[in-house]
Amino acid sequence: MKKLLAVLLLTTPALAAVPGPKLSIADFKQLPVVLTQPYDEGANADAAVAAAFARAQKSHKRVLIDLGANWCVDCIVLANFLKLPEMQRFMAAHYEVVTVDVGRFNRNLQIPARYGITKKLEGVPALLIVTPDGKLINDKDVFATASASEMTPKSVTDYLVKYAG
């Protein structure tokens, strides 16, 4: 029985733990700010999301749709955190990332609506983590990073590791 359980744990992706990156910062106060406008306000969000899914179909990674806006401090913190070299490596290994500008909650709302989020967004950044075939897997905590600046780098990493699959 133990041998069967060990084989299942090793061969079942959903049960295998994904190791998180070793972080170079312990607090967001240590975060270098390299991006001040991480969201392209003029981008075609539908095309960008479709391209991310096309990449995910080939790479078998999950799609991470980052809904945010350039006026949002938490969005800027998260974007700069994801620019750390260790986070870029981790994200590239596990996700196809696409950023979607939602303006003042009045732009590109068709993207979250595809996943049943049709009421006003509870906050940004909101992360939609989706399988390559279109299934939202973090439906219970899409808004977990909406207060990213009040979180720790480790808690944000733990969230991303949880869904990396």
Protein backbone atom coordinates (compact mmCIF):
# COMPACT_ATOMS: atom_id res chain seq x y z
CA MET A 1 0.00 0.00 0.00
CA LYS A 2 2.81 2.43 0.86
CA LYS A 3 4.49 1.68 -2.45
CA LEU A 4 1.25 2.40 -4.35
CA LEU A 5 0.82 5.69 -2.49
CA ALA A 6 4.42 6.68 -3.27
CA VAL A 7 3.90 5.92 -6.98
CA LEU A 8 0.68 7.96 -7.00
CA LEU A 9 2.36 10.91 -5.32
CA LEU A 10 5.21 10.87 -7.82
CA THR A 11 3.07 10.47 -10.91
CA THR A 12 0.09 12.68 -10.07
CA PRO A 13 0.89 16.34 -10.83
CA ALA A 14 -1.91 17.66 -8.60
CA LEU A 15 -0.39 15.89 -5.58
CA ALA A 16 3.26 16.67 -6.29
CA ALA A 17 4.50 19.76 -4.48
CA VAL A 18 6.08 22.50 -6.57
CA PRO A 19 9.12 24.01 -4.86
CA GLY A 20 9.07 27.77 -4.55
CA PRO A 21 12.01 29.98 -5.40
CA LYS A 22 14.55 31.14 -2.83
CA LEU A 23 13.62 34.77 -2.31
CA SER A 24 16.19 37.57 -2.33
CA ILE A 25 13.95 39.85 -0.23
CA ALA A 26 12.02 39.29 2.98
CA ASP A 27 9.93 42.47 2.90
CA PHE A 28 8.45 44.54 0.10
CA LYS A 29 10.33 47.58 1.49
CA GLN A 30 13.42 45.92 -0.04
CA LEU A 31 11.79 45.67 -3.46
CA PRO A 32 13.48 47.59 -6.26
CA VAL A 33 10.95 49.53 -8.33
CA VAL A 34 11.65 48.97 -12.01
CA LEU A 35 8.09 49.21 -13.32
CA THR A 36 5.79 52.12 -12.63
CA GLN A 37 3.25 51.38 -15.36
CA PRO A 38 3.10 47.59 -15.73
CA TYR A 39 -0.22 47.53 -17.63
CA ASP A 40 -0.47 48.48 -21.30
CA GLU A 41 -3.61 50.60 -21.38
CA GLY A 42 -3.80 50.40 -25.17
CA ALA A 43 -3.28 46.66 -25.50
CA ASN A 44 -5.83 44.39 -27.10
CA ALA A 45 -6.62 42.31 -24.00
CA ASP A 46 -8.57 39.66 -25.90
CA ALA A 47 -5.66 39.07 -28.28
CA ALA A 48 -3.11 39.04 -25.43
CA VAL A 49 -5.14 36.48 -23.46
CA ALA A 50 -5.66 34.34 -26.57
CA ALA A 51 -1.89 34.40 -27.21
CA ALA A 52 -1.21 33.31 -23.62
CA PHE A 53 -3.60 30.38 -24.04
CA ALA A 54 -1.95 29.43 -27.34
CA ARG A 55 1.42 29.35 -25.56
CA ALA A 56 -0.08 27.35 -22.68
CA GLN A 57 -1.49 24.74 -25.05
CA LYS A 58 2.06 24.12 -26.28
CA SER A 59 3.91 24.48 -22.98
CA HIS A 60 1.26 22.74 -20.79
CA LYS A 61 1.64 25.54 -18.24
CA ARG A 62 -1.15 27.36 -16.51
CA VAL A 63 -2.22 30.81 -17.64
CA LEU A 64 -1.99 33.58 -15.08
CA ILE A 65 -4.14 36.56 -16.04
CA ASP A 66 -3.10 39.56 -13.97
CA LEU A 67 -6.00 42.03 -13.84
CA GLY A 68 -4.80 45.41 -12.68
CA ALA A 69 -4.21 49.09 -13.37
CA ASN A 70 -1.33 51.55 -13.37
CA TRP A 71 -2.90 53.73 -10.64
CA CYS A 72 -2.91 50.79 -8.21
CA VAL A 73 -0.04 50.61 -5.69
CA ASP A 74 -0.68 46.93 -4.99
CA CYS A 75 -0.52 46.18 -8.73
CA ILE A 76 2.82 47.97 -9.02
CA VAL A 77 4.20 46.10 -6.01
CA LEU A 78 3.14 42.74 -7.46
CA ALA A 79 4.50 43.60 -10.92
CA ASN A 80 7.88 44.60 -9.49
CA PHE A 81 8.00 41.52 -7.28
CA LEU A 82 7.44 39.33 -10.33
CA LYS A 83 10.39 41.10 -12.01
CA LEU A 84 12.85 39.76 -9.42
CA PRO A 85 15.14 37.28 -11.20
CA GLU A 86 14.10 34.36 -8.99
CA MET A 87 10.42 35.10 -9.55
CA GLN A 88 10.91 35.49 -13.32
CA ARG A 89 12.50 32.03 -13.43
CA PHE A 90 9.71 30.52 -11.32
CA MET A 91 6.94 32.16 -13.32
CA ALA A 92 8.53 31.18 -16.65
CA ALA A 93 8.72 27.57 -15.47
CA HIS A 94 5.09 27.36 -14.35
CA TYR A 95 2.92 30.02 -15.95
CA GLU A 96 2.12 31.84 -19.16
CA VAL A 97 1.56 35.34 -17.78
CA VAL A 98 -0.58 38.02 -19.34
CA THR A 99 -1.38 41.43 -17.87
CA VAL A 100 -4.77 43.02 -18.51
CA ASP A 101 -5.48 46.67 -17.74
CA VAL A 102 -8.92 47.14 -16.17
CA GLY A 103 -8.68 50.92 -15.97
CA ARG A 104 -10.94 52.24 -13.21
CA PHE A 105 -12.89 48.98 -13.30
CA ASN A 106 -14.32 50.04 -16.65
CA ARG A 107 -12.07 48.33 -19.19
CA ASN A 108 -11.56 44.74 -20.37
CA LEU A 109 -14.14 43.37 -17.92
CA GLN A 110 -15.08 40.74 -20.52
CA ILE A 111 -11.94 38.85 -19.45
CA PRO A 112 -13.03 38.11 -15.85
CA ALA A 113 -16.62 37.67 -17.10
CA ARG A 114 -15.45 34.59 -19.04
CA TYR A 115 -14.81 32.97 -15.66
CA GLY A 116 -18.06 34.01 -14.00
CA ILE A 117 -16.77 37.22 -12.41
CA THR A 118 -19.42 39.62 -13.61
CA LYS A 119 -19.88 41.84 -10.58
CA LYS A 120 -17.55 44.74 -9.88
CA LEU A 121 -14.04 43.48 -9.18
CA GLU A 122 -13.37 43.37 -5.43
CA GLY A 123 -9.94 44.86 -5.96
CA VAL A 124 -6.78 44.61 -7.98
CA PRO A 125 -4.48 43.02 -8.66
CA ALA A 126 -6.79 40.08 -9.19
CA LEU A 127 -5.18 36.93 -10.50
CA LEU A 128 -7.04 34.43 -12.63
CA ILE A 129 -5.14 31.16 -12.74
CA VAL A 130 -6.46 29.00 -15.54
CA THR A 131 -5.60 25.62 -17.01
CA PRO A 132 -4.62 25.54 -20.70
CA ASP A 133 -8.12 24.22 -21.49
CA GLY A 134 -9.80 27.20 -19.80
CA LYS A 135 -10.74 26.02 -16.29
CA LEU A 136 -10.33 28.63 -13.55
CA ILE A 137 -8.60 26.88 -10.65
CA ASN A 138 -8.32 29.66 -8.07
CA ASP A 139 -11.98 30.66 -8.11
CA LYS A 140 -12.12 30.86 -4.29
CA ASP A 141 -9.27 33.37 -3.95
CA VAL A 142 -8.95 35.38 -7.16
CA PHE A 143 -8.64 38.55 -5.05
CA ALA A 144 -6.05 37.19 -2.59
CA THR A 145 -3.36 39.58 -3.87
CA ALA A 146 -5.57 42.71 -3.94
CA SER A 147 -3.61 43.93 -0.90
CA ALA A 148 -0.23 42.78 -2.21
CA SER A 149 1.64 45.66 -0.58
CA GLU A 150 0.44 44.48 2.84
CA MET A 151 1.50 40.89 2.18
CA THR A 152 4.98 39.46 2.49
CA PRO A 153 7.04 38.25 -0.45
CA LYS A 154 6.80 34.75 1.02
CA SER A 155 3.00 34.83 1.23
CA VAL A 156 2.70 35.99 -2.39
CA THR A 157 5.15 33.26 -3.42
CA ASP A 158 3.24 30.64 -1.43
CA TYR A 159 0.05 31.68 -3.25
CA LEU A 160 1.71 31.32 -6.65
CA VAL A 161 3.30 27.99 -5.67
CA LYS A 162 -0.08 26.69 -4.49
CA TYR A 163 -1.51 26.95 -8.01
CA ALA A 164 1.63 26.26 -10.05
CA GLY A 165 0.70 22.59 -10.40
